[in-house]
Amino acid sequence: MKRLILTLLAVMLMVTGTAWGAAVRSGTVTLEVDLTSQPQGKESRVWVPYPLSDGNQQIRDIKVNGDFASSGVYADRTSGTPILYAEWPKEAVSRKLTFSFRVERQEISQRIQPRSEPKWNPGDYAEYLRPTSLAPIDGEIKELADRITSGKTTNLEKAKGIYDWTVENMYRDPATKGCGQGDVCQLLKKPGGKCTDISSVFIALCRAAGIPAREVFSIRLGKKPVEDITTYQHCWAEFFVPGYGWMTADPADVRKAMLVEKLELNTPKTNEYRAYFWGGIDPYRVVLARGRDLRLEPPQSGAPLNTFGYPYAEVGGTPLDFYNPKDFSYRYTYREK
């Protein structure tokens, strides 16, 4: 009986990635959007990432208020990312929207990892093996991926080699705007950036090595009772392990910890972070979106969206700069339970 219970717990961990006794963070996230200061006499539209419950987070008490003329919840057709959409006619003087939800987020700890992998069909994961506009998987990317993974046979072994290479060769550049663009070819020339940059390099190398991989876009939950989290967006990665499922990897948070704590490579503290963020992430984040090069629903006038970790808006068909929340304007606030 004891062996059966342990086996069931191991299977549960493999499926959900949540460790017994894992840390939890709970609270309410509120987004306030105000387009009133934008030019009058023009139609205004806003698209907002709309989080859903999954095995590691529970979303409830969703509230949407404002003076918009119409709104709805949609999803992009490629990645299925949910979208809250609202619009105001050109006659509108006030253009405000408030979106709030309660989240309970669990720490992920995927420490029980398979020793072997069954056969699998790459065609089932074709979406996560393709290049994107800023992340090709041929040429120098393919050559580098082949060098890193030489002699390795499983997805897990190859991804671990890519993770180690990314941690050791990328660095966090605090001067990078927002979370970064994730332009992989430029990043191989100058390997400094923020979370989207570092995660994009990891993902492009995984895909070039034949490993399905994808970005996860989130916003960090505050550690104070009440906290402004407007600029707390974060991106990490997931890759597919046959017979196991999606596994997390966050090389960007390793490099961030090294910068903040002034750590060098191969020190005990750095090695702790490297081990933790390989298959583990803290509960201070809520998943908002996935996918690159998004065509939103309803379709935006602008180009496909590189990432959707921020609110996106257009006034008179012209996109606003979501990296500049004060002029946009929008604000995210976190309140713990």
C-alpha atoms as a PDB file:
ATOM      1  CA  MET A   1       0.000   0.000   0.000  1.00  0.00           C
ATOM      2  CA  LYS A   2       2.797   2.428   0.891  1.00  0.00           C
ATOM      3  CA  ARG A   3       4.480   1.732  -2.469  1.00  0.00           C
ATOM      4  CA  LEU A   4       1.176   2.336  -4.277  1.00  0.00           C
ATOM      5  CA  ILE A   5       0.671   5.678  -2.521  1.00  0.00           C
ATOM      6  CA  LEU A   6       4.203   6.796  -3.395  1.00  0.00           C
ATOM      7  CA  THR A   7       3.681   5.759  -7.001  1.00  0.00           C
ATOM      8  CA  LEU A   8       0.427   7.725  -7.218  1.00  0.00           C
ATOM      9  CA  LEU A   9       2.135  10.794  -5.734  1.00  0.00           C
ATOM     10  CA  ALA A  10       4.944  10.477  -8.266  1.00  0.00           C
ATOM     11  CA  VAL A  11       2.459  10.266 -11.138  1.00  0.00           C
ATOM     12  CA  MET A  12       0.588  13.308  -9.807  1.00  0.00           C
ATOM     13  CA  LEU A  13       3.833  15.261  -9.668  1.00  0.00           C
ATOM     14  CA  MET A  14       4.707  14.281 -13.229  1.00  0.00           C
ATOM     15  CA  VAL A  15       1.301  15.357 -14.519  1.00  0.00           C
ATOM     16  CA  THR A  16       0.909  18.629 -12.629  1.00  0.00           C
ATOM     17  CA  GLY A  17       4.489  19.527 -11.797  1.00  0.00           C
ATOM     18  CA  THR A  18       3.302  20.610  -8.342  1.00  0.00           C
ATOM     19  CA  ALA A  19       5.238  19.291  -5.379  1.00  0.00           C
ATOM     20  CA  TRP A  20       3.579  18.170  -2.171  1.00  0.00           C
ATOM     21  CA  GLY A  21       3.738  21.132   0.218  1.00  0.00           C
ATOM     22  CA  ALA A  22       4.643  23.555  -2.582  1.00  0.00           C
ATOM     23  CA  ALA A  23       4.469  27.273  -1.873  1.00  0.00           C
ATOM     24  CA  VAL A  24       1.315  29.176  -2.834  1.00  0.00           C
ATOM     25  CA  ARG A  25       0.665  32.856  -3.530  1.00  0.00           C
ATOM     26  CA  SER A  26      -2.905  34.192  -3.533  1.00  0.00           C
ATOM     27  CA  GLY A  27      -4.400  37.590  -4.174  1.00  0.00           C
ATOM     28  CA  THR A  28      -6.271  39.863  -6.550  1.00  0.00           C
ATOM     29  CA  VAL A  29      -4.789  41.403  -9.681  1.00  0.00           C
ATOM     30  CA  THR A  30      -6.476  44.548 -11.031  1.00  0.00           C
ATOM     31  CA  LEU A  31      -5.771  46.166 -14.374  1.00  0.00           C
ATOM     32  CA  GLU A  32      -6.963  49.748 -14.936  1.00  0.00           C
ATOM     33  CA  VAL A  33      -6.890  51.061 -18.514  1.00  0.00           C
ATOM     34  CA  ASP A  34      -7.652  54.707 -19.306  1.00  0.00           C
ATOM     35  CA  LEU A  35      -7.479  55.898 -22.918  1.00  0.00           C
ATOM     36  CA  THR A  36      -9.274  59.187 -22.177  1.00  0.00           C
ATOM     37  CA  SER A  37      -6.136  61.286 -22.723  1.00  0.00           C
ATOM     38  CA  GLN A  38      -5.614  59.824 -26.201  1.00  0.00           C
ATOM     39  CA  PRO A  39      -6.718  61.933 -29.236  1.00  0.00           C
ATOM     40  CA  GLN A  40     -10.472  62.481 -29.385  1.00  0.00           C
ATOM     41  CA  GLY A  41     -12.671  61.749 -32.374  1.00  0.00           C
ATOM     42  CA  LYS A  42     -11.083  58.372 -33.101  1.00  0.00           C
ATOM     43  CA  GLU A  43     -12.265  54.823 -32.501  1.00  0.00           C
ATOM     44  CA  SER A  44     -10.368  53.199 -29.631  1.00  0.00           C
ATOM     45  CA  ARG A  45      -9.784  49.484 -29.080  1.00  0.00           C
ATOM     46  CA  VAL A  46      -7.938  47.504 -26.411  1.00  0.00           C
ATOM     47  CA  TRP A  47      -6.901  43.844 -26.149  1.00  0.00           C
ATOM     48  CA  VAL A  48      -5.902  42.473 -22.731  1.00  0.00           C
ATOM     49  CA  PRO A  49      -4.359  39.078 -21.817  1.00  0.00           C
ATOM     50  CA  TYR A  50      -7.091  37.032 -20.102  1.00  0.00           C
ATOM     51  CA  PRO A  51      -5.702  34.381 -17.718  1.00  0.00           C
ATOM     52  CA  LEU A  52      -7.360  31.001 -17.228  1.00  0.00           C
ATOM     53  CA  SER A  53      -7.179  28.293 -14.577  1.00  0.00           C
ATOM     54  CA  ASP A  54      -4.864  25.344 -15.177  1.00  0.00           C
ATOM     55  CA  GLY A  55      -3.089  22.705 -13.116  1.00  0.00           C
ATOM     56  CA  ASN A  56      -0.913  25.309 -11.396  1.00  0.00           C
ATOM     57  CA  GLN A  57      -3.165  28.336 -11.025  1.00  0.00           C
ATOM     58  CA  GLN A  58      -6.802  28.949 -10.171  1.00  0.00           C
ATOM     59  CA  ILE A  59      -8.504  32.048 -11.577  1.00  0.00           C
ATOM     60  CA  ARG A  60     -11.862  33.160 -10.203  1.00  0.00           C
ATOM     61  CA  ASP A  61     -13.930  36.234  -9.255  1.00  0.00           C
ATOM     62  CA  ILE A  62     -13.351  37.791 -12.679  1.00  0.00           C
ATOM     63  CA  LYS A  63     -14.811  41.283 -13.013  1.00  0.00           C
ATOM     64  CA  VAL A  64     -14.903  43.599 -16.034  1.00  0.00           C
ATOM     65  CA  ASN A  65     -16.223  47.145 -15.754  1.00  0.00           C
ATOM     66  CA  GLY A  66     -15.977  50.314 -17.795  1.00  0.00           C
ATOM     67  CA  ASP A  67     -17.660  52.749 -20.149  1.00  0.00           C
ATOM     68  CA  PHE A  68     -16.824  50.842 -23.356  1.00  0.00           C
ATOM     69  CA  ALA A  69     -19.499  50.416 -26.024  1.00  0.00           C
ATOM     70  CA  SER A  70     -18.919  46.677 -26.392  1.00  0.00           C
ATOM     71  CA  SER A  71     -16.615  43.950 -25.132  1.00  0.00           C
ATOM     72  CA  GLY A  72     -16.033  40.216 -25.352  1.00  0.00           C
ATOM     73  CA  VAL A  73     -13.639  37.365 -24.631  1.00  0.00           C
ATOM     74  CA  TYR A  74     -11.935  35.829 -27.665  1.00  0.00           C
ATOM     75  CA  ALA A  75      -8.877  33.681 -28.469  1.00  0.00           C
ATOM     76  CA  ASP A  76      -6.219  33.883 -31.136  1.00  0.00           C
ATOM     77  CA  ARG A  77      -6.558  31.124 -33.711  1.00  0.00           C
ATOM     78  CA  THR A  78      -3.030  29.724 -33.483  1.00  0.00           C
ATOM     79  CA  SER A  79      -2.074  29.414 -29.818  1.00  0.00           C
ATOM     80  CA  GLY A  80      -5.551  29.706 -28.303  1.00  0.00           C
ATOM     81  CA  THR A  81      -4.479  32.551 -26.019  1.00  0.00           C
ATOM     82  CA  PRO A  82      -7.604  34.102 -24.412  1.00  0.00           C
ATOM     83  CA  ILE A  83      -8.167  37.802 -25.028  1.00  0.00           C
ATOM     84  CA  LEU A  84     -10.391  40.371 -23.344  1.00  0.00           C
ATOM     85  CA  TYR A  85     -11.419  42.934 -25.964  1.00  0.00           C
ATOM     86  CA  ALA A  86     -13.232  46.264 -25.608  1.00  0.00           C
ATOM     87  CA  GLU A  87     -13.925  49.178 -27.920  1.00  0.00           C
ATOM     88  CA  TRP A  88     -15.162  52.771 -27.810  1.00  0.00           C
ATOM     89  CA  PRO A  89     -16.677  54.739 -30.721  1.00  0.00           C
ATOM     90  CA  LYS A  90     -15.025  57.909 -31.987  1.00  0.00           C
ATOM     91  CA  GLU A  91     -17.660  59.987 -30.157  1.00  0.00           C
ATOM     92  CA  ALA A  92     -16.582  58.682 -26.742  1.00  0.00           C
ATOM     93  CA  VAL A  93     -15.075  61.227 -24.367  1.00  0.00           C
ATOM     94  CA  SER A  94     -14.216  58.901 -21.481  1.00  0.00           C
ATOM     95  CA  ARG A  95     -12.567  55.538 -22.329  1.00  0.00           C
ATOM     96  CA  LYS A  96     -11.961  53.430 -19.252  1.00  0.00           C
ATOM     97  CA  LEU A  97     -11.809  49.711 -18.460  1.00  0.00           C
ATOM     98  CA  THR A  98     -11.151  47.865 -15.192  1.00  0.00           C
ATOM     99  CA  PHE A  99     -10.376  44.140 -15.224  1.00  0.00           C
ATOM    100  CA  SER A 100      -9.736  42.183 -12.037  1.00  0.00           C
ATOM    101  CA  PHE A 101      -9.383  38.549 -11.053  1.00  0.00           C
ATOM    102  CA  ARG A 102      -8.413  36.524  -8.037  1.00  0.00           C
ATOM    103  CA  VAL A 103      -5.530  34.092  -8.475  1.00  0.00           C
ATOM    104  CA  GLU A 104      -4.112  31.258  -6.437  1.00  0.00           C
ATOM    105  CA  ARG A 105      -0.786  30.267  -7.911  1.00  0.00           C
ATOM    106  CA  GLN A 106       1.289  27.216  -6.940  1.00  0.00           C
ATOM    107  CA  GLU A 107       5.019  26.724  -7.132  1.00  0.00           C
ATOM    108  CA  ILE A 108       6.126  24.230  -9.796  1.00  0.00           C
ATOM    109  CA  SER A 109       8.715  21.620  -8.850  1.00  0.00           C
ATOM    110  CA  GLN A 110       9.321  18.963 -11.515  1.00  0.00           C
ATOM    111  CA  ARG A 111      12.031  16.989  -9.743  1.00  0.00           C
ATOM    112  CA  ILE A 112      10.990  13.479 -10.764  1.00  0.00           C
ATOM    113  CA  GLN A 113      12.226  13.277 -14.353  1.00  0.00           C
ATOM    114  CA  PRO A 114      12.125  10.272 -16.718  1.00  0.00           C
ATOM    115  CA  ARG A 115      15.237   8.207 -17.423  1.00  0.00           C
ATOM    116  CA  SER A 116      13.981   7.145 -20.843  1.00  0.00           C
ATOM    117  CA  GLU A 117      11.604   8.545 -23.443  1.00  0.00           C
ATOM    118  CA  PRO A 118       9.129   6.639 -25.621  1.00  0.00           C
ATOM    119  CA  LYS A 119       8.745   7.248 -29.338  1.00  0.00           C
ATOM    120  CA  TRP A 120       6.642  10.273 -30.234  1.00  0.00           C
ATOM    121  CA  ASN A 121       5.298  11.981 -33.341  1.00  0.00           C
ATOM    122  CA  PRO A 122       6.837  15.433 -34.002  1.00  0.00           C
ATOM    123  CA  GLY A 123       3.847  16.184 -36.221  1.00  0.00           C
ATOM    124  CA  ASP A 124       1.680  16.380 -33.105  1.00  0.00           C
ATOM    125  CA  TYR A 125       3.823  19.294 -31.889  1.00  0.00           C
ATOM    126  CA  ALA A 126       4.491  21.024 -35.209  1.00  0.00           C
ATOM    127  CA  GLU A 127       3.384  24.414 -33.853  1.00  0.00           C
ATOM    128  CA  TYR A 128       6.197  24.297 -31.288  1.00  0.00           C
ATOM    129  CA  LEU A 129       8.875  23.244 -33.771  1.00  0.00           C
ATOM    130  CA  ARG A 130       8.419  26.124 -36.229  1.00  0.00           C
ATOM    131  CA  PRO A 131      10.538  29.273 -36.545  1.00  0.00           C
ATOM    132  CA  THR A 132       9.021  32.645 -35.680  1.00  0.00           C
ATOM    133  CA  SER A 133       9.675  36.049 -37.228  1.00  0.00           C
ATOM    134  CA  LEU A 134      12.481  36.823 -34.759  1.00  0.00           C
ATOM    135  CA  ALA A 135      13.648  33.279 -34.041  1.00  0.00           C
ATOM    136  CA  PRO A 136      14.815  31.253 -37.052  1.00  0.00           C
ATOM    137  CA  ILE A 137      15.870  27.653 -36.464  1.00  0.00           C
ATOM    138  CA  ASP A 138      18.220  27.170 -39.410  1.00  0.00           C
ATOM    139  CA  GLY A 139      21.662  28.546 -40.279  1.00  0.00           C
ATOM    140  CA  GLU A 140      23.812  29.514 -37.312  1.00  0.00           C
ATOM    141  CA  ILE A 141      21.017  28.675 -34.873  1.00  0.00           C
ATOM    142  CA  LYS A 142      20.866  25.112 -36.149  1.00  0.00           C
ATOM    143  CA  GLU A 143      24.659  24.788 -36.180  1.00  0.00           C
ATOM    144  CA  LEU A 144      24.890  25.978 -32.577  1.00  0.00           C
ATOM    145  CA  ALA A 145      22.075  23.684 -31.449  1.00  0.00           C
ATOM    146  CA  ASP A 146      23.805  20.717 -33.068  1.00  0.00           C
ATOM    147  CA  ARG A 147      27.087  21.524 -31.288  1.00  0.00           C
ATOM    148  CA  ILE A 148      25.409  21.913 -27.901  1.00  0.00           C
ATOM    149  CA  THR A 149      23.428  18.682 -28.201  1.00  0.00           C
ATOM    150  CA  SER A 150      26.123  16.541 -29.817  1.00  0.00           C
ATOM    151  CA  GLY A 151      26.190  13.073 -28.225  1.00  0.00           C
ATOM    152  CA  LYS A 152      22.887  13.607 -26.404  1.00  0.00           C
ATOM    153  CA  THR A 153      19.956  11.389 -27.353  1.00  0.00           C
ATOM    154  CA  THR A 154      16.807  12.364 -25.438  1.00  0.00           C
ATOM    155  CA  ASN A 155      14.808  15.606 -25.410  1.00  0.00           C
ATOM    156  CA  LEU A 156      15.576  15.997 -21.706  1.00  0.00           C
ATOM    157  CA  GLU A 157      19.335  15.615 -22.182  1.00  0.00           C
ATOM    158  CA  LYS A 158      19.393  17.962 -25.154  1.00  0.00           C
ATOM    159  CA  ALA A 159      17.259  20.608 -23.415  1.00  0.00           C
ATOM    160  CA  LYS A 160      19.464  20.440 -20.324  1.00  0.00           C
ATOM    161  CA  GLY A 161      22.530  21.057 -22.475  1.00  0.00           C
ATOM    162  CA  ILE A 162      20.792  24.047 -24.088  1.00  0.00           C
ATOM    163  CA  TYR A 163      19.683  25.338 -20.682  1.00  0.00           C
ATOM    164  CA  ASP A 164      23.247  25.159 -19.352  1.00  0.00           C
ATOM    165  CA  TRP A 165      24.617  26.868 -22.469  1.00  0.00           C
ATOM    166  CA  THR A 166      22.014  29.638 -22.195  1.00  0.00           C
ATOM    167  CA  VAL A 167      22.755  30.295 -18.524  1.00  0.00           C
ATOM    168  CA  GLU A 168      26.497  30.322 -19.153  1.00  0.00           C
ATOM    169  CA  ASN A 169      26.514  32.470 -22.309  1.00  0.00           C
ATOM    170  CA  MET A 170      23.606  34.909 -21.957  1.00  0.00           C
ATOM    171  CA  TYR A 171      23.413  37.738 -19.435  1.00  0.00           C
ATOM    172  CA  ARG A 172      20.769  40.114 -18.134  1.00  0.00           C
ATOM    173  CA  ASP A 173      21.035  43.645 -19.492  1.00  0.00           C
ATOM    174  CA  PRO A 174      18.983  46.027 -17.305  1.00  0.00           C
ATOM    175  CA  ALA A 175      19.041  48.668 -20.073  1.00  0.00           C
ATOM    176  CA  THR A 176      16.825  46.487 -22.293  1.00  0.00           C
ATOM    177  CA  LYS A 177      13.392  47.976 -22.953  1.00  0.00           C
ATOM    178  CA  GLY A 178      10.523  46.037 -21.380  1.00  0.00           C
ATOM    179  CA  CYS A 179      11.143  42.291 -21.426  1.00  0.00           C
ATOM    180  CA  GLY A 180      13.093  42.493 -24.684  1.00  0.00           C
ATOM    181  CA  GLN A 181      12.143  41.633 -28.267  1.00  0.00           C
ATOM    182  CA  GLY A 182      13.622  38.144 -28.440  1.00  0.00           C
ATOM    183  CA  ASP A 183      15.517  38.775 -31.702  1.00  0.00           C
ATOM    184  CA  VAL A 184      17.616  35.609 -31.598  1.00  0.00           C
ATOM    185  CA  CYS A 185      20.060  36.412 -34.421  1.00  0.00           C
ATOM    186  CA  GLN A 186      20.937  39.748 -32.822  1.00  0.00           C
ATOM    187  CA  LEU A 187      21.193  38.111 -29.409  1.00  0.00           C
ATOM    188  CA  LEU A 188      23.798  35.644 -30.634  1.00  0.00           C
ATOM    189  CA  LYS A 189      25.908  38.674 -31.593  1.00  0.00           C
ATOM    190  CA  LYS A 190      25.222  40.545 -28.346  1.00  0.00           C
ATOM    191  CA  PRO A 191      23.914  38.011 -25.788  1.00  0.00           C
ATOM    192  CA  GLY A 192      22.501  40.536 -23.329  1.00  0.00           C
ATOM    193  CA  GLY A 193      18.822  41.128 -22.709  1.00  0.00           C
ATOM    194  CA  LYS A 194      15.919  40.398 -20.417  1.00  0.00           C
ATOM    195  CA  CYS A 195      13.545  37.489 -19.956  1.00  0.00           C
ATOM    196  CA  THR A 196      11.962  37.351 -23.428  1.00  0.00           C
ATOM    197  CA  ASP A 197      15.411  37.587 -24.994  1.00  0.00           C
ATOM    198  CA  ILE A 198      16.973  34.843 -22.887  1.00  0.00           C
ATOM    199  CA  SER A 199      13.935  32.573 -23.141  1.00  0.00           C
ATOM    200  CA  SER A 200      13.744  33.097 -26.918  1.00  0.00           C
ATOM    201  CA  VAL A 201      17.324  31.922 -27.385  1.00  0.00           C
ATOM    202  CA  PHE A 202      16.635  28.808 -25.305  1.00  0.00           C
ATOM    203  CA  ILE A 203      13.433  28.081 -27.260  1.00  0.00           C
ATOM    204  CA  ALA A 204      14.970  28.666 -30.701  1.00  0.00           C
ATOM    205  CA  LEU A 205      17.847  26.331 -29.886  1.00  0.00           C
ATOM    206  CA  CYS A 206      15.419  23.698 -28.589  1.00  0.00           C
ATOM    207  CA  ARG A 207      13.309  23.881 -31.736  1.00  0.00           C
ATOM    208  CA  ALA A 208      16.412  23.739 -33.928  1.00  0.00           C
ATOM    209  CA  ALA A 209      17.381  20.574 -32.043  1.00  0.00           C
ATOM    210  CA  GLY A 210      13.952  19.053 -32.722  1.00  0.00           C
ATOM    211  CA  ILE A 211      12.559  19.681 -29.225  1.00  0.00           C
ATOM    212  CA  PRO A 212       9.081  21.264 -29.044  1.00  0.00           C
ATOM    213  CA  ALA A 213       9.328  24.435 -26.945  1.00  0.00           C
ATOM    214  CA  ARG A 214       7.210  27.509 -26.216  1.00  0.00           C
ATOM    215  CA  GLU A 215       7.206  30.789 -24.316  1.00  0.00           C
ATOM    216  CA  VAL A 216       5.029  31.490 -21.294  1.00  0.00           C
ATOM    217  CA  PHE A 217       4.158  35.141 -20.685  1.00  0.00           C
ATOM    218  CA  SER A 218       3.209  36.196 -17.176  1.00  0.00           C
ATOM    219  CA  ILE A 219       3.101  39.034 -14.711  1.00  0.00           C
ATOM    220  CA  ARG A 220       4.774  38.654 -11.347  1.00  0.00           C
ATOM    221  CA  LEU A 221       2.643  38.789  -8.221  1.00  0.00           C
ATOM    222  CA  GLY A 222       3.827  41.241  -5.604  1.00  0.00           C
ATOM    223  CA  LYS A 223       5.474  40.178  -2.367  1.00  0.00           C
ATOM    224  CA  LYS A 224       3.942  43.066  -0.397  1.00  0.00           C
ATOM    225  CA  PRO A 225       0.320  43.242   0.831  1.00  0.00           C
ATOM    226  CA  VAL A 226      -0.384  45.858  -1.867  1.00  0.00           C
ATOM    227  CA  GLU A 227       1.981  46.459  -4.764  1.00  0.00           C
ATOM    228  CA  ASP A 228       2.069  48.211  -8.138  1.00  0.00           C
ATOM    229  CA  ILE A 229       3.081  45.428 -10.575  1.00  0.00           C
ATOM    230  CA  THR A 230       2.604  47.359 -13.825  1.00  0.00           C
ATOM    231  CA  THR A 231       6.157  46.632 -15.021  1.00  0.00           C
ATOM    232  CA  TYR A 232       6.471  43.133 -13.528  1.00  0.00           C
ATOM    233  CA  GLN A 233       5.958  41.182 -16.780  1.00  0.00           C
ATOM    234  CA  HIS A 234       8.022  38.006 -17.087  1.00  0.00           C
ATOM    235  CA  CYS A 235       8.639  35.299 -19.675  1.00  0.00           C
ATOM    236  CA  TRP A 236       9.961  31.770 -19.219  1.00  0.00           C
ATOM    237  CA  ALA A 237      10.031  28.570 -21.282  1.00  0.00           C
ATOM    238  CA  GLU A 238       8.454  25.141 -21.481  1.00  0.00           C
ATOM    239  CA  PHE A 239       9.721  22.185 -23.530  1.00  0.00           C
ATOM    240  CA  PHE A 240       8.201  18.807 -24.300  1.00  0.00           C
ATOM    241  CA  VAL A 241       9.528  15.553 -22.855  1.00  0.00           C
ATOM    242  CA  PRO A 242       7.947  12.406 -24.391  1.00  0.00           C
ATOM    243  CA  GLY A 243       6.176  10.276 -21.820  1.00  0.00           C
ATOM    244  CA  TYR A 244       6.268  13.155 -19.329  1.00  0.00           C
ATOM    245  CA  GLY A 245       4.737  16.300 -20.796  1.00  0.00           C
ATOM    246  CA  TRP A 246       5.729  19.966 -20.668  1.00  0.00           C
ATOM    247  CA  MET A 247       8.623  20.858 -18.394  1.00  0.00           C
ATOM    248  CA  THR A 248       9.563  24.344 -17.242  1.00  0.00           C
ATOM    249  CA  ALA A 249      12.908  26.096 -17.591  1.00  0.00           C
ATOM    250  CA  ASP A 250      13.679  29.679 -16.603  1.00  0.00           C
ATOM    251  CA  PRO A 251      17.284  30.551 -17.475  1.00  0.00           C
ATOM    252  CA  ALA A 252      16.353  34.245 -17.427  1.00  0.00           C
ATOM    253  CA  ASP A 253      15.627  34.192 -13.695  1.00  0.00           C
ATOM    254  CA  VAL A 254      18.987  32.544 -13.064  1.00  0.00           C
ATOM    255  CA  ARG A 255      20.727  35.428 -14.805  1.00  0.00           C
ATOM    256  CA  LYS A 256      18.510  37.975 -13.035  1.00  0.00           C
ATOM    257  CA  ALA A 257      19.421  36.510  -9.631  1.00  0.00           C
ATOM    258  CA  MET A 258      23.096  36.607 -10.610  1.00  0.00           C
ATOM    259  CA  LEU A 259      22.827  40.294 -11.520  1.00  0.00           C
ATOM    260  CA  VAL A 260      20.819  41.326  -8.465  1.00  0.00           C
ATOM    261  CA  GLU A 261      22.972  39.370  -6.011  1.00  0.00           C
ATOM    262  CA  LYS A 262      26.257  40.015  -7.888  1.00  0.00           C
ATOM    263  CA  LEU A 263      26.963  36.310  -8.319  1.00  0.00           C
ATOM    264  CA  GLU A 264      29.518  34.648 -10.569  1.00  0.00           C
ATOM    265  CA  LEU A 265      29.027  31.434 -12.515  1.00  0.00           C
ATOM    266  CA  ASN A 266      29.773  28.129 -10.765  1.00  0.00           C
ATOM    267  CA  THR A 267      29.412  29.486  -7.254  1.00  0.00           C
ATOM    268  CA  PRO A 268      27.278  27.495  -4.779  1.00  0.00           C
ATOM    269  CA  LYS A 269      24.478  30.092  -4.776  1.00  0.00           C
ATOM    270  CA  THR A 270      24.379  30.315  -8.569  1.00  0.00           C
ATOM    271  CA  ASN A 271      24.296  26.535  -8.803  1.00  0.00           C
ATOM    272  CA  GLU A 272      21.310  26.527  -6.434  1.00  0.00           C
ATOM    273  CA  TYR A 273      19.435  28.888  -8.754  1.00  0.00           C
ATOM    274  CA  ARG A 274      20.412  26.832 -11.807  1.00  0.00           C
ATOM    275  CA  ALA A 275      19.068  23.684 -10.189  1.00  0.00           C
ATOM    276  CA  TYR A 276      15.877  25.364  -8.957  1.00  0.00           C
ATOM    277  CA  PHE A 277      14.857  26.979 -12.255  1.00  0.00           C
ATOM    278  CA  TRP A 278      15.463  23.754 -14.174  1.00  0.00           C
ATOM    279  CA  GLY A 279      12.005  22.219 -13.742  1.00  0.00           C
ATOM    280  CA  GLY A 280      10.972  24.683 -11.047  1.00  0.00           C
ATOM    281  CA  ILE A 281       9.451  28.145 -10.777  1.00  0.00           C
ATOM    282  CA  ASP A 282       8.241  30.175  -7.818  1.00  0.00           C
ATOM    283  CA  PRO A 283       4.537  30.959  -7.168  1.00  0.00           C
ATOM    284  CA  TYR A 284       4.996  34.739  -7.594  1.00  0.00           C
ATOM    285  CA  ARG A 285       3.681  34.814 -11.173  1.00  0.00           C
ATOM    286  CA  VAL A 286       0.431  34.259 -13.032  1.00  0.00           C
ATOM    287  CA  VAL A 287       0.345  32.961 -16.617  1.00  0.00           C
ATOM    288  CA  LEU A 288      -1.255  35.456 -19.005  1.00  0.00           C
ATOM    289  CA  ALA A 289      -0.515  34.281 -22.539  1.00  0.00           C
ATOM    290  CA  ARG A 290       1.452  32.067 -24.921  1.00  0.00           C
ATOM    291  CA  GLY A 291       2.485  32.391 -28.543  1.00  0.00           C
ATOM    292  CA  ARG A 292       4.465  34.714 -30.845  1.00  0.00           C
ATOM    293  CA  ASP A 293       3.482  36.668 -33.971  1.00  0.00           C
ATOM    294  CA  LEU A 294      -0.126  36.822 -32.779  1.00  0.00           C
ATOM    295  CA  ARG A 295      -3.029  37.927 -34.904  1.00  0.00           C
ATOM    296  CA  LEU A 296      -5.476  38.985 -32.216  1.00  0.00           C
ATOM    297  CA  GLU A 297      -9.243  38.566 -32.188  1.00  0.00           C
ATOM    298  CA  PRO A 298     -10.892  40.732 -33.348  1.00  0.00           C
ATOM    299  CA  PRO A 299      -7.921  41.376 -35.700  1.00  0.00           C
ATOM    300  CA  GLN A 300      -5.767  44.390 -34.906  1.00  0.00           C
ATOM    301  CA  SER A 301      -4.890  46.958 -37.571  1.00  0.00           C
ATOM    302  CA  GLY A 302      -1.213  46.757 -36.759  1.00  0.00           C
ATOM    303  CA  ALA A 303       1.299  44.014 -37.529  1.00  0.00           C
ATOM    304  CA  PRO A 304       1.165  40.598 -35.850  1.00  0.00           C
ATOM    305  CA  LEU A 305       2.049  41.004 -32.195  1.00  0.00           C
ATOM    306  CA  ASN A 306       5.524  39.798 -31.270  1.00  0.00           C
ATOM    307  CA  THR A 307       4.399  39.015 -27.716  1.00  0.00           C
ATOM    308  CA  PHE A 308       1.178  39.477 -25.734  1.00  0.00           C
ATOM    309  CA  GLY A 309       2.433  39.903 -22.189  1.00  0.00           C
ATOM    310  CA  TYR A 310       1.173  43.503 -22.098  1.00  0.00           C
ATOM    311  CA  PRO A 311      -2.167  45.187 -22.864  1.00  0.00           C
ATOM    312  CA  TYR A 312      -2.366  46.262 -26.504  1.00  0.00           C
ATOM    313  CA  ALA A 313      -4.424  49.190 -27.798  1.00  0.00           C
ATOM    314  CA  GLU A 314      -5.061  51.116 -30.994  1.00  0.00           C
ATOM    315  CA  VAL A 315      -6.515  54.596 -31.360  1.00  0.00           C
ATOM    316  CA  GLY A 316      -7.662  55.430 -34.866  1.00  0.00           C
ATOM    317  CA  GLY A 317      -5.911  52.270 -36.038  1.00  0.00           C
ATOM    318  CA  THR A 318      -2.527  53.376 -34.642  1.00  0.00           C
ATOM    319  CA  PRO A 319      -0.925  51.127 -31.996  1.00  0.00           C
ATOM    320  CA  LEU A 320       0.017  52.636 -28.648  1.00  0.00           C
ATOM    321  CA  ASP A 321       3.375  51.924 -27.010  1.00  0.00           C
ATOM    322  CA  PHE A 322       2.583  49.302 -24.366  1.00  0.00           C
ATOM    323  CA  TYR A 323       6.137  49.633 -23.034  1.00  0.00           C
ATOM    324  CA  ASN A 324       5.135  53.120 -21.845  1.00  0.00           C
ATOM    325  CA  PRO A 325       2.233  52.433 -19.438  1.00  0.00           C
ATOM    326  CA  LYS A 326       2.030  56.011 -18.149  1.00  0.00           C
ATOM    327  CA  ASP A 327       1.217  57.446 -21.576  1.00  0.00           C
ATOM    328  CA  PHE A 328      -0.839  54.435 -22.686  1.00  0.00           C
ATOM    329  CA  SER A 329      -2.190  54.550 -19.860  1.00  0.00           C
ATOM    330  CA  TYR A 330      -2.641  51.427 -17.743  1.00  0.00           C
ATOM    331  CA  ARG A 331      -1.754  50.107 -14.301  1.00  0.00           C
ATOM    332  CA  TYR A 332      -1.623  46.635 -12.743  1.00  0.00           C
ATOM    333  CA  THR A 333      -2.046  46.339  -8.966  1.00  0.00           C
ATOM    334  CA  TYR A 334      -1.688  43.265  -6.758  1.00  0.00           C
ATOM    335  CA  ARG A 335      -3.424  42.838  -3.391  1.00  0.00           C
ATOM    336  CA  GLU A 336      -2.770  39.736  -1.355  1.00  0.00           C
ATOM    337  CA  LYS A 337      -5.767  37.871   0.094  1.00  0.00           C
END
